[in-house]
PDB file of N, CA and C in Angstrom:
ATOM      1  N   MET A   1     -95.163  68.025-152.081  1.00  0.00           N
ATOM      2  CA  MET A   1     -94.995  69.402-152.467  1.00  0.00           C
ATOM      3  C   MET A   1     -93.552  69.611-152.912  1.00  0.00           C
ATOM      4  N   ALA A   2     -93.368  70.366-153.978  1.00  0.00           N
ATOM      5  CA  ALA A   2     -92.040  70.630-154.515  1.00  0.00           C
ATOM      6  C   ALA A   2     -91.264  71.565-153.591  1.00  0.00           C
ATOM      7  N   LYS A   3     -90.030  71.227-153.369  1.00  0.00           N
ATOM      8  CA  LYS A   3     -89.158  72.038-152.523  1.00  0.00           C
ATOM      9  C   LYS A   3     -88.598  73.192-153.353  1.00  0.00           C
ATOM     10  N   LEU A   4     -88.675  74.394-152.812  1.00  0.00           N
ATOM     11  CA  LEU A   4     -88.134  75.588-153.462  1.00  0.00           C
ATOM     12  C   LEU A   4     -86.818  75.952-152.803  1.00  0.00           C
ATOM     13  N   THR A   5     -85.805  76.147-153.615  1.00  0.00           N
ATOM     14  CA  THR A   5     -84.508  76.610-153.135  1.00  0.00           C
ATOM     15  C   THR A   5     -84.113  77.825-153.958  1.00  0.00           C
ATOM     16  N   VAL A   6     -83.596  78.840-153.295  1.00  0.00           N
ATOM     17  CA  VAL A   6     -83.175  80.068-153.951  1.00  0.00           C
ATOM     18  C   VAL A   6     -81.664  80.201-153.857  1.00  0.00           C
ATOM     19  N   ILE A   7     -81.043  80.524-154.987  1.00  0.00           N
ATOM     20  CA  ILE A   7     -79.612  80.846-155.015  1.00  0.00           C
ATOM     21  C   ILE A   7     -79.525  82.338-155.301  1.00  0.00           C
ATOM     22  N   THR A   8     -79.023  83.079-154.334  1.00  0.00           N
ATOM     23  CA  THR A   8     -78.998  84.534-154.452  1.00  0.00           C
ATOM     24  C   THR A   8     -77.732  85.085-153.821  1.00  0.00           C
ATOM     25  N   ASN A   9     -77.558  86.372-153.935  1.00  0.00           N
ATOM     26  CA  ASN A   9     -76.375  86.990-153.327  1.00  0.00           C
ATOM     27  C   ASN A   9     -76.603  87.158-151.824  1.00  0.00           C
ATOM     28  N   PRO A  10     -75.540  87.290-151.065  1.00  0.00           N
ATOM     29  CA  PRO A  10     -75.655  87.350-149.606  1.00  0.00           C
ATOM     30  C   PRO A  10     -76.538  88.487-149.084  1.00  0.00           C
ATOM     31  N   SER A  11     -76.644  89.583-149.794  1.00  0.00           N
ATOM     32  CA  SER A  11     -77.451  90.697-149.296  1.00  0.00           C
ATOM     33  C   SER A  11     -78.950  90.413-149.374  1.00  0.00           C
ATOM     34  N   LEU A  12     -79.385  89.550-150.287  1.00  0.00           N
ATOM     35  CA  LEU A  12     -80.808  89.225-150.414  1.00  0.00           C
ATOM     36  C   LEU A  12     -81.205  87.958-149.658  1.00  0.00           C
ATOM     37  N   ALA A  13     -80.232  87.148-149.279  1.00  0.00           N
ATOM     38  CA  ALA A  13     -80.508  85.868-148.626  1.00  0.00           C
ATOM     39  C   ALA A  13     -81.365  85.988-147.360  1.00  0.00           C
ATOM     40  N   PRO A  14     -81.109  86.943-146.456  1.00  0.00           N
ATOM     41  CA  PRO A  14     -81.923  87.013-145.230  1.00  0.00           C
ATOM     42  C   PRO A  14     -83.419  87.204-145.498  1.00  0.00           C
ATOM     43  N   GLY A  15     -83.762  87.972-146.504  1.00  0.00           N
ATOM     44  CA  GLY A  15     -85.170  88.185-146.829  1.00  0.00           C
ATOM     45  C   GLY A  15     -85.862  86.901-147.243  1.00  0.00           C
ATOM     46  N   PHE A  16     -85.193  86.108-148.052  1.00  0.00           N
ATOM     47  CA  PHE A  16     -85.765  84.825-148.455  1.00  0.00           C
ATOM     48  C   PHE A  16     -85.856  83.878-147.268  1.00  0.00           C
ATOM     49  N   ARG A  17     -84.850  83.902-146.405  1.00  0.00           N
ATOM     50  CA  ARG A  17     -84.887  83.041-145.218  1.00  0.00           C
ATOM     51  C   ARG A  17     -86.057  83.412-144.309  1.00  0.00           C
ATOM     52  N   LEU A  18     -86.303  84.710-144.153  1.00  0.00           N
ATOM     53  CA  LEU A  18     -87.428  85.162-143.335  1.00  0.00           C
ATOM     54  C   LEU A  18     -88.755  84.673-143.905  1.00  0.00           C
ATOM     55  N   ALA A  19     -88.800  84.508-145.211  1.00  0.00           N
ATOM     56  CA  ALA A  19     -90.014  84.006-145.869  1.00  0.00           C
ATOM     57  C   ALA A  19     -90.118  82.484-145.775  1.00  0.00           C
ATOM     58  N   GLY A  20     -89.126  81.832-145.173  1.00  0.00           N
ATOM     59  CA  GLY A  20     -89.164  80.390-144.988  1.00  0.00           C
ATOM     60  C   GLY A  20     -88.641  79.575-146.154  1.00  0.00           C
ATOM     61  N   VAL A  21     -87.879  80.214-147.024  1.00  0.00           N
ATOM     62  CA  VAL A  21     -87.346  79.536-148.202  1.00  0.00           C
ATOM     63  C   VAL A  21     -85.937  79.024-147.913  1.00  0.00           C
ATOM     64  N   ASP A  22     -85.609  77.854-148.461  1.00  0.00           N
ATOM     65  CA  ASP A  22     -84.228  77.372-148.385  1.00  0.00           C
ATOM     66  C   ASP A  22     -83.379  78.255-149.289  1.00  0.00           C
ATOM     67  N   VAL A  23     -82.281  78.777-148.751  1.00  0.00           N
ATOM     68  CA  VAL A  23     -81.464  79.742-149.480  1.00  0.00           C
ATOM     69  C   VAL A  23     -80.005  79.309-149.491  1.00  0.00           C
ATOM     70  N   ILE A  24     -79.387  79.513-150.632  1.00  0.00           N
ATOM     71  CA  ILE A  24     -77.937  79.376-150.739  1.00  0.00           C
ATOM     72  C   ILE A  24     -77.416  80.749-151.142  1.00  0.00           C
ATOM     73  N   ALA A  25     -76.587  81.331-150.279  1.00  0.00           N
ATOM     74  CA  ALA A  25     -76.002  82.641-150.568  1.00  0.00           C
ATOM     75  C   ALA A  25     -74.712  82.421-151.347  1.00  0.00           C
ATOM     76  N   ALA A  26     -74.678  82.920-152.564  1.00  0.00           N
ATOM     77  CA  ALA A  26     -73.507  82.747-153.431  1.00  0.00           C
ATOM     78  C   ALA A  26     -72.769  84.069-153.552  1.00  0.00           C
ATOM     79  N   GLU A  27     -71.489  84.036-153.268  1.00  0.00           N
ATOM     80  CA  GLU A  27     -70.663  85.241-153.339  1.00  0.00           C
ATOM     81  C   GLU A  27     -70.370  85.669-154.777  1.00  0.00           C
ATOM     82  N   ASP A  28     -70.312  84.697-155.680  1.00  0.00           N
ATOM     83  CA  ASP A  28     -69.934  85.017-157.063  1.00  0.00           C
ATOM     84  C   ASP A  28     -70.518  83.982-158.021  1.00  0.00           C
ATOM     85  N   ARG A  29     -70.262  84.184-159.300  1.00  0.00           N
ATOM     86  CA  ARG A  29     -70.791  83.318-160.344  1.00  0.00           C
ATOM     87  C   ARG A  29     -70.354  81.871-160.158  1.00  0.00           C
ATOM     88  N   ALA A  30     -69.095  81.665-159.830  1.00  0.00           N
ATOM     89  CA  ALA A  30     -68.580  80.303-159.676  1.00  0.00           C
ATOM     90  C   ALA A  30     -69.263  79.558-158.530  1.00  0.00           C
ATOM     91  N   SER A  31     -69.450  80.211-157.398  1.00  0.00           N
ATOM     92  CA  SER A  31     -70.098  79.535-156.273  1.00  0.00           C
ATOM     93  C   SER A  31     -71.583  79.290-156.562  1.00  0.00           C
ATOM     94  N   ALA A  32     -72.223  80.190-157.289  1.00  0.00           N
ATOM     95  CA  ALA A  32     -73.612  79.974-157.691  1.00  0.00           C
ATOM     96  C   ALA A  32     -73.713  78.782-158.632  1.00  0.00           C
ATOM     97  N   HIS A  33     -72.778  78.677-159.554  1.00  0.00           N
ATOM     98  CA  HIS A  33     -72.761  77.559-160.500  1.00  0.00           C
ATOM     99  C   HIS A  33     -72.583  76.233-159.766  1.00  0.00           C
ATOM    100  N   ARG A  34     -71.639  76.185-158.838  1.00  0.00           N
ATOM    101  CA  ARG A  34     -71.403  74.953-158.069  1.00  0.00           C
ATOM    102  C   ARG A  34     -72.658  74.555-157.282  1.00  0.00           C
ATOM    103  N   ALA A  35     -73.290  75.535-156.660  1.00  0.00           N
ATOM    104  CA  ALA A  35     -74.499  75.260-155.873  1.00  0.00           C
ATOM    105  C   ALA A  35     -75.629  74.748-156.763  1.00  0.00           C
ATOM    106  N   LEU A  36     -75.795  75.349-157.927  1.00  0.00           N
ATOM    107  CA  LEU A  36     -76.843  74.928-158.850  1.00  0.00           C
ATOM    108  C   LEU A  36     -76.618  73.500-159.328  1.00  0.00           C
ATOM    109  N   VAL A  37     -75.419  73.187-159.732  1.00  0.00           N
ATOM    110  CA  VAL A  37     -75.106  71.829-160.207  1.00  0.00           C
ATOM    111  C   VAL A  37     -75.312  70.814-159.091  1.00  0.00           C
ATOM    112  N   ARG A  38     -74.909  71.161-157.874  1.00  0.00           N
ATOM    113  CA  ARG A  38     -75.088  70.255-156.739  1.00  0.00           C
ATOM    114  C   ARG A  38     -76.575  69.986-156.494  1.00  0.00           C
ATOM    115  N   LEU A  39     -77.403  71.034-156.528  1.00  0.00           N
ATOM    116  CA  LEU A  39     -78.842  70.869-156.316  1.00  0.00           C
ATOM    117  C   LEU A  39     -79.474  70.011-157.412  1.00  0.00           C
ATOM    118  N   ILE A  40     -79.058  70.237-158.641  1.00  0.00           N
ATOM    119  CA  ILE A  40     -79.585  69.436-159.756  1.00  0.00           C
ATOM    120  C   ILE A  40     -79.187  67.973-159.570  1.00  0.00           C
ATOM    121  N   ASP A  41     -77.930  67.733-159.230  1.00  0.00           N
ATOM    122  CA  ASP A  41     -77.442  66.364-159.062  1.00  0.00           C
ATOM    123  C   ASP A  41     -78.131  65.646-157.899  1.00  0.00           C
ATOM    124  N   GLU A  42     -78.405  66.364-156.811  1.00  0.00           N
ATOM    125  CA  GLU A  42     -79.067  65.757-155.651  1.00  0.00           C
ATOM    126  C   GLU A  42     -80.499  65.346-155.979  1.00  0.00           C
ATOM    127  N   GLY A  43     -81.163  66.118-156.828  1.00  0.00           N
ATOM    128  CA  GLY A  43     -82.505  65.775-157.279  1.00  0.00           C
ATOM    129  C   GLY A  43     -83.621  65.977-156.283  1.00  0.00           C
ATOM    130  N   GLU A  44     -83.381  66.691-155.188  1.00  0.00           N
ATOM    131  CA  GLU A  44     -84.416  66.884-154.181  1.00  0.00           C
ATOM    132  C   GLU A  44     -85.227  68.157-154.393  1.00  0.00           C
ATOM    133  N   ALA A  45     -84.664  69.147-155.045  1.00  0.00           N
ATOM    134  CA  ALA A  45     -85.368  70.408-155.262  1.00  0.00           C
ATOM    135  C   ALA A  45     -86.376  70.249-156.384  1.00  0.00           C
ATOM    136  N   GLY A  46     -87.545  70.852-156.211  1.00  0.00           N
ATOM    137  CA  GLY A  46     -88.549  70.871-157.265  1.00  0.00           C
ATOM    138  C   GLY A  46     -88.398  72.105-158.119  1.00  0.00           C
ATOM    139  N   ILE A  47     -88.095  73.222-157.448  1.00  0.00           N
ATOM    140  CA  ILE A  47     -87.897  74.499-158.125  1.00  0.00           C
ATOM    141  C   ILE A  47     -86.627  75.129-157.568  1.00  0.00           C
ATOM    142  N   ILE A  48     -85.773  75.592-158.460  1.00  0.00           N
ATOM    143  CA  ILE A  48     -84.571  76.317-158.061  1.00  0.00           C
ATOM    144  C   ILE A  48     -84.662  77.697-158.696  1.00  0.00           C
ATOM    145  N   ALA A  49     -84.732  78.709-157.866  1.00  0.00           N
ATOM    146  CA  ALA A  49     -84.775  80.090-158.350  1.00  0.00           C
ATOM    147  C   ALA A  49     -83.382  80.685-158.195  1.00  0.00           C
ATOM    148  N   VAL A  50     -82.864  81.240-159.274  1.00  0.00           N
ATOM    149  CA  VAL A  50     -81.494  81.749-159.290  1.00  0.00           C
ATOM    150  C   VAL A  50     -81.523  83.211-159.709  1.00  0.00           C
ATOM    151  N   ASP A  51     -80.730  84.035-159.021  1.00  0.00           N
ATOM    152  CA  ASP A  51     -80.624  85.442-159.429  1.00  0.00           C
ATOM    153  C   ASP A  51     -80.283  85.524-160.907  1.00  0.00           C
ATOM    154  N   ALA A  52     -80.953  86.415-161.612  1.00  0.00           N
ATOM    155  CA  ALA A  52     -80.760  86.561-163.059  1.00  0.00           C
ATOM    156  C   ALA A  52     -79.298  86.745-163.456  1.00  0.00           C
ATOM    157  N   PRO A  53     -78.526  87.566-162.748  1.00  0.00           N
ATOM    158  CA  PRO A  53     -77.120  87.712-163.153  1.00  0.00           C
ATOM    159  C   PRO A  53     -76.330  86.404-163.087  1.00  0.00           C
ATOM    160  N   PHE A  54     -76.602  85.567-162.083  1.00  0.00           N
ATOM    161  CA  PHE A  54     -75.919  84.281-161.978  1.00  0.00           C
ATOM    162  C   PHE A  54     -76.359  83.341-163.094  1.00  0.00           C
ATOM    163  N   LEU A  55     -77.658  83.292-163.330  1.00  0.00           N
ATOM    164  CA  LEU A  55     -78.183  82.386-164.345  1.00  0.00           C
ATOM    165  C   LEU A  55     -77.732  82.795-165.741  1.00  0.00           C
ATOM    166  N   GLY A  56     -77.636  84.094-165.965  1.00  0.00           N
ATOM    167  CA  GLY A  56     -77.229  84.592-167.271  1.00  0.00           C
ATOM    168  C   GLY A  56     -75.780  84.320-167.620  1.00  0.00           C
ATOM    169  N   GLU A  57     -74.970  83.965-166.631  1.00  0.00           N
ATOM    170  CA  GLU A  57     -73.546  83.734-166.868  1.00  0.00           C
ATOM    171  C   GLU A  57     -73.153  82.256-166.821  1.00  0.00           C
ATOM    172  N   LEU A  58     -74.157  81.366-166.891  1.00  0.00           N
ATOM    173  CA  LEU A  58     -73.834  79.936-166.880  1.00  0.00           C
ATOM    174  C   LEU A  58     -73.173  79.513-168.180  1.00  0.00           C
ATOM    175  N   ASP A  59     -72.353  78.481-168.083  1.00  0.00           N
ATOM    176  CA  ASP A  59     -71.712  77.952-169.284  1.00  0.00           C
ATOM    177  C   ASP A  59     -72.750  77.239-170.151  1.00  0.00           C
ATOM    178  N   TYR A  60     -72.389  76.998-171.384  1.00  0.00           N
ATOM    179  CA  TYR A  60     -73.296  76.411-172.360  1.00  0.00           C
ATOM    180  C   TYR A  60     -73.803  75.030-171.923  1.00  0.00           C
ATOM    181  N   ALA A  61     -72.926  74.183-171.420  1.00  0.00           N
ATOM    182  CA  ALA A  61     -73.311  72.822-171.040  1.00  0.00           C
ATOM    183  C   ALA A  61     -74.358  72.824-169.925  1.00  0.00           C
ATOM    184  N   THR A  62     -74.170  73.672-168.935  1.00  0.00           N
ATOM    185  CA  THR A  62     -75.135  73.740-167.832  1.00  0.00           C
ATOM    186  C   THR A  62     -76.459  74.304-168.318  1.00  0.00           C
ATOM    187  N   THR A  63     -76.401  75.324-169.168  1.00  0.00           N
ATOM    188  CA  THR A  63     -77.628  75.911-169.718  1.00  0.00           C
ATOM    189  C   THR A  63     -78.418  74.872-170.501  1.00  0.00           C
ATOM    190  N   ARG A  64     -77.739  74.090-171.340  1.00  0.00           N
ATOM    191  CA  ARG A  64     -78.405  73.034-172.117  1.00  0.00           C
ATOM    192  C   ARG A  64     -79.019  71.983-171.188  1.00  0.00           C
ATOM    193  N   ARG A  65     -78.283  71.624-170.157  1.00  0.00           N
ATOM    194  CA  ARG A  65     -78.790  70.634-169.202  1.00  0.00           C
ATOM    195  C   ARG A  65     -80.089  71.119-168.562  1.00  0.00           C
ATOM    196  N   ILE A  66     -80.124  72.387-168.175  1.00  0.00           N
ATOM    197  CA  ILE A  66     -81.321  72.975-167.557  1.00  0.00           C
ATOM    198  C   ILE A  66     -82.480  72.971-168.542  1.00  0.00           C
ATOM    199  N   GLU A  67     -82.217  73.339-169.789  1.00  0.00           N
ATOM    200  CA  GLU A  67     -83.275  73.393-170.799  1.00  0.00           C
ATOM    201  C   GLU A  67     -83.881  72.025-171.071  1.00  0.00           C
ATOM    202  N   GLU A  68     -83.110  70.965-170.916  1.00  0.00           N
ATOM    203  CA  GLU A  68     -83.576  69.620-171.236  1.00  0.00           C
ATOM    204  C   GLU A  68     -84.182  68.882-170.043  1.00  0.00           C
ATOM    205  N   MET A  69     -84.064  69.442-168.852  1.00  0.00           N
ATOM    206  CA  MET A  69     -84.582  68.789-167.641  1.00  0.00           C
ATOM    207  C   MET A  69     -86.081  69.019-167.489  1.00  0.00           C
ATOM    208  N   VAL A  70     -86.734  68.049-166.862  1.00  0.00           N
ATOM    209  CA  VAL A  70     -88.126  68.221-166.478  1.00  0.00           C
ATOM    210  C   VAL A  70     -88.177  68.681-165.020  1.00  0.00           C
ATOM    211  N   LYS A  71     -87.347  68.062-164.207  1.00  0.00           N
ATOM    212  CA  LYS A  71     -87.269  68.416-162.792  1.00  0.00           C
ATOM    213  C   LYS A  71     -85.816  68.416-162.374  1.00  0.00           C
ATOM    214  N   PRO A  72     -85.383  69.343-161.613  1.00  0.00           N
ATOM    215  CA  PRO A  72     -86.127  70.485-161.101  1.00  0.00           C
ATOM    216  C   PRO A  72     -86.333  71.557-162.174  1.00  0.00           C
ATOM    217  N   VAL A  73     -87.295  72.418-161.910  1.00  0.00           N
ATOM    218  CA  VAL A  73     -87.513  73.566-162.764  1.00  0.00           C
ATOM    219  C   VAL A  73     -86.593  74.678-162.265  1.00  0.00           C
ATOM    220  N   VAL A  74     -85.817  75.254-163.159  1.00  0.00           N
ATOM    221  CA  VAL A  74     -84.905  76.344-162.794  1.00  0.00           C
ATOM    222  C   VAL A  74     -85.462  77.628-163.384  1.00  0.00           C
ATOM    223  N   VAL A  75     -85.697  78.624-162.511  1.00  0.00           N
ATOM    224  CA  VAL A  75     -86.232  79.902-162.949  1.00  0.00           C
ATOM    225  C   VAL A  75     -85.285  81.024-162.555  1.00  0.00           C
ATOM    226  N   SER A  76     -85.380  82.097-163.278  1.00  0.00           N
ATOM    227  CA  SER A  76     -84.558  83.276-163.024  1.00  0.00           C
ATOM    228  C   SER A  76     -85.314  84.253-162.137  1.00  0.00           C
ATOM    229  N   LEU A  77     -84.640  84.708-161.087  1.00  0.00           N
ATOM    230  CA  LEU A  77     -85.215  85.770-160.256  1.00  0.00           C
ATOM    231  C   LEU A  77     -84.821  87.109-160.853  1.00  0.00           C
ATOM    232  N   PRO A  78     -85.760  88.018-160.988  1.00  0.00           N
ATOM    233  CA  PRO A  78     -85.415  89.333-161.534  1.00  0.00           C
ATOM    234  C   PRO A  78     -84.378  90.028-160.663  1.00  0.00           C
ATOM    235  N   ALA A  79     -83.603  90.878-161.288  1.00  0.00           N
ATOM    236  CA  ALA A  79     -82.572  91.625-160.562  1.00  0.00           C
ATOM    237  C   ALA A  79     -83.211  92.425-159.435  1.00  0.00           C
ATOM    238  N   GLY A  80     -82.523  92.470-158.316  1.00  0.00           N
ATOM    239  CA  GLY A  80     -83.065  93.167-157.146  1.00  0.00           C
ATOM    240  C   GLY A  80     -82.644  94.619-157.098  1.00  0.00           C
ATOM    241  N   GLY A  81     -82.688  95.140-155.908  1.00  0.00           N
ATOM    242  CA  GLY A  81     -82.262  96.520-155.693  1.00  0.00           C
ATOM    243  C   GLY A  81     -83.291  97.521-156.149  1.00  0.00           C
ATOM    244  N   ASP A  82     -82.836  98.628-156.705  1.00  0.00           N
ATOM    245  CA  ASP A  82     -83.711  99.717-157.100  1.00  0.00           C
ATOM    246  C   ASP A  82     -84.212  99.585-158.534  1.00  0.00           C
ATOM    247  N   VAL A  83     -84.037  98.414-159.134  1.00  0.00           N
ATOM    248  CA  VAL A  83     -84.396  98.247-160.536  1.00  0.00           C
ATOM    249  C   VAL A  83     -85.900  98.310-160.744  1.00  0.00           C
ATOM    250  N   LEU A  84     -86.668  97.656-159.875  1.00  0.00           N
ATOM    251  CA  LEU A  84     -88.113  97.599-160.030  1.00  0.00           C
ATOM    252  C   LEU A  84     -88.803  98.077-158.758  1.00  0.00           C
ATOM    253  N   PRO A  85     -89.908  98.825-158.895  1.00  0.00           N
ATOM    254  CA  PRO A  85     -90.690  99.144-157.698  1.00  0.00           C
ATOM    255  C   PRO A  85     -91.193  97.841-157.072  1.00  0.00           C
ATOM    256  N   GLU A  86     -91.388  97.835-155.757  1.00  0.00           N
ATOM    257  CA  GLU A  86     -91.751  96.624-155.028  1.00  0.00           C
ATOM    258  C   GLU A  86     -92.999  95.948-155.587  1.00  0.00           C
ATOM    259  N   GLN A  87     -94.044  96.711-155.882  1.00  0.00           N
ATOM    260  CA  GLN A  87     -95.280  96.104-156.365  1.00  0.00           C
ATOM    261  C   GLN A  87     -95.065  95.418-157.714  1.00  0.00           C
ATOM    262  N   ARG A  88     -94.330  96.046-158.607  1.00  0.00           N
ATOM    263  CA  ARG A  88     -94.064  95.448-159.918  1.00  0.00           C
ATOM    264  C   ARG A  88     -93.209  94.194-159.764  1.00  0.00           C
ATOM    265  N   ARG A  89     -92.249  94.224-158.854  1.00  0.00           N
ATOM    266  CA  ARG A  89     -91.393  93.064-158.607  1.00  0.00           C
ATOM    267  C   ARG A  89     -92.231  91.891-158.106  1.00  0.00           C
ATOM    268  N   SER A  90     -93.181  92.134-157.207  1.00  0.00           N
ATOM    269  CA  SER A  90     -94.049  91.070-156.714  1.00  0.00           C
ATOM    270  C   SER A  90     -94.865  90.460-157.844  1.00  0.00           C
ATOM    271  N   ARG A  91     -95.380  91.290-158.733  1.00  0.00           N
ATOM    272  CA  ARG A  91     -96.139  90.771-159.879  1.00  0.00           C
ATOM    273  C   ARG A  91     -95.250  89.933-160.787  1.00  0.00           C
ATOM    274  N   GLN A  92     -94.018  90.376-160.983  1.00  0.00           N
ATOM    275  CA  GLN A  92     -93.104  89.646-161.850  1.00  0.00           C
ATOM    276  C   GLN A  92     -92.764  88.278-161.247  1.00  0.00           C
ATOM    277  N   ILE A  93     -92.521  88.228-159.945  1.00  0.00           N
ATOM    278  CA  ILE A  93     -92.245  86.952-159.286  1.00  0.00           C
ATOM    279  C   ILE A  93     -93.470  86.054-159.331  1.00  0.00           C
ATOM    280  N   ALA A  94     -94.665  86.627-159.109  1.00  0.00           N
ATOM    281  CA  ALA A  94     -95.895  85.835-159.193  1.00  0.00           C
ATOM    282  C   ALA A  94     -96.070  85.239-160.586  1.00  0.00           C
ATOM    283  N   GLU A  95     -95.733  85.973-161.614  1.00  0.00           N
ATOM    284  CA  GLU A  95     -95.834  85.464-162.985  1.00  0.00           C
ATOM    285  C   GLU A  95     -94.822  84.342-163.231  1.00  0.00           C
ATOM    286  N   LEU A  96     -93.622  84.462-162.678  1.00  0.00           N
ATOM    287  CA  LEU A  96     -92.643  83.383-162.792  1.00  0.00           C
ATOM    288  C   LEU A  96     -93.175  82.104-162.142  1.00  0.00           C
ATOM    289  N   ILE A  97     -93.782  82.246-160.973  1.00  0.00           N
ATOM    290  CA  ILE A  97     -94.335  81.086-160.282  1.00  0.00           C
ATOM    291  C   ILE A  97     -95.471  80.488-161.102  1.00  0.00           C
ATOM    292  N   ARG A  98     -96.341  81.325-161.646  1.00  0.00           N
ATOM    293  CA  ARG A  98     -97.455  80.831-162.448  1.00  0.00           C
ATOM    294  C   ARG A  98     -96.960  80.034-163.646  1.00  0.00           C
ATOM    295  N   ARG A  99     -95.948  80.559-164.341  1.00  0.00           N
ATOM    296  CA  ARG A  99     -95.405  79.860-165.502  1.00  0.00           C
ATOM    297  C   ARG A  99     -94.735  78.557-165.097  1.00  0.00           C
ATOM    298  N   THR A 100     -94.115  78.547-163.924  1.00  0.00           N
ATOM    299  CA  THR A 100     -93.380  77.366-163.482  1.00  0.00           C
ATOM    300  C   THR A 100     -94.304  76.253-163.018  1.00  0.00           C
ATOM    301  N   ILE A 101     -95.271  76.574-162.166  1.00  0.00           N
ATOM    302  CA  ILE A 101     -96.104  75.520-161.580  1.00  0.00           C
ATOM    303  C   ILE A 101     -97.548  75.559-162.037  1.00  0.00           C
ATOM    304  N   GLY A 102     -97.912  76.549-162.833  1.00  0.00           N
ATOM    305  CA  GLY A 102     -99.262  76.593-163.383  1.00  0.00           C
ATOM    306  C   GLY A 102    -100.314  77.123-162.433  1.00  0.00           C
ATOM    307  N   ILE A 103     -99.923  77.763-161.365  1.00  0.00           N
ATOM    308  CA  ILE A 103    -100.876  78.317-160.401  1.00  0.00           C
ATOM    309  C   ILE A 103    -100.615  79.811-160.261  1.00  0.00           C
ATOM    310  N   ARG A 104    -101.686  80.594-160.338  1.00  0.00           N
ATOM    311  CA  ARG A 104    -101.539  82.041-160.162  1.00  0.00           C
ATOM    312  C   ARG A 104    -101.597  82.358-158.678  1.00  0.00           C
ATOM    313  N   MET A 105    -100.565  83.027-158.189  1.00  0.00           N
ATOM    314  CA  MET A 105    -100.506  83.428-156.785  1.00  0.00           C
ATOM    315  C   MET A 105    -100.635  84.939-156.704  1.00  0.00           C
ATOM    316  N   THR A 106    -101.228  85.400-155.629  1.00  0.00           N
ATOM    317  CA  THR A 106    -101.283  86.832-155.391  1.00  0.00           C
ATOM    318  C   THR A 106    -100.597  87.114-154.066  1.00  0.00           C
ATOM    319  N   PHE A 107     -99.968  88.260-153.989  1.00  0.00           N
ATOM    320  CA  PHE A 107     -99.290  88.663-152.769  1.00  0.00           C
ATOM    321  C   PHE A 107    -100.070  89.797-152.143  1.00  0.00           C
ATOM    322  N   ARG A 108    -100.354  89.645-150.868  1.00  0.00           N
ATOM    323  CA  ARG A 108    -101.082  90.669-150.146  1.00  0.00           C
ATOM    324  C   ARG A 108    -100.146  91.829-149.846  1.00  0.00           C
ATOM    325  N   GLU A 109    -100.642  93.046-150.060  1.00  0.00           N
ATOM    326  CA  GLU A 109     -99.809  94.209-149.761  1.00  0.00           C
ATOM    327  C   GLU A 109     -99.677  94.354-148.258  1.00  0.00           C
ATOM    328  N   GLN A 110     -98.476  94.694-147.832  1.00  0.00           N
ATOM    329  CA  GLN A 110     -98.226  94.881-146.408  1.00  0.00           C
ATOM    330  C   GLN A 110     -98.411  96.345-146.064  1.00  0.00           C
ATOM    331  N   ASP A 111     -98.905  96.583-144.847  1.00  0.00           N
ATOM    332  CA  ASP A 111     -99.034  97.961-144.361  1.00  0.00           C
ATOM    333  C   ASP A 111     -97.652  98.534-144.124  1.00  0.00           C
ATOM    334  N   ARG A 112     -97.475  99.741-144.542  1.00  0.00           N
ATOM    335  CA  ARG A 112     -96.170 100.382-144.361  1.00  0.00           C
ATOM    336  C   ARG A 112     -96.267 101.511-143.410  1.00  0.00           C
TER     337      ARG A 112
END
C-alpha cells in the first residue's frame, strides 16, 4: 500500500494526525520545500499531499521534477480555513484521491 504523507501548516497538522496520516508541519515555504525534496529523495512515500500555497510557490526545477516523476505522486491540497464549506472540501479531496490513485472514495458525514 502506498504511504501517504501530508505537508501542511502547523494549524492543520493535528487534524491530519488524528486521521492517522503522516504529517510534516511546515512553518513556511522554505521548510515545506526542504521537506518535499527530502521525501522525494527518500523514495518511501507513494503520495505526498502538499498545501496549495506551498506547492504553488515551488521553484521551476522542483516543479519540473515533480511533473516528470511517476512515484511519488505529488498532489495539491486545497486551501483550508473558511474558503470552502466542509462538504465541498471533502468532495474536492475525494476527487484529488480519485485522480491520483484511480479509486473513488466517499466520506461519511459525521453527526454534529
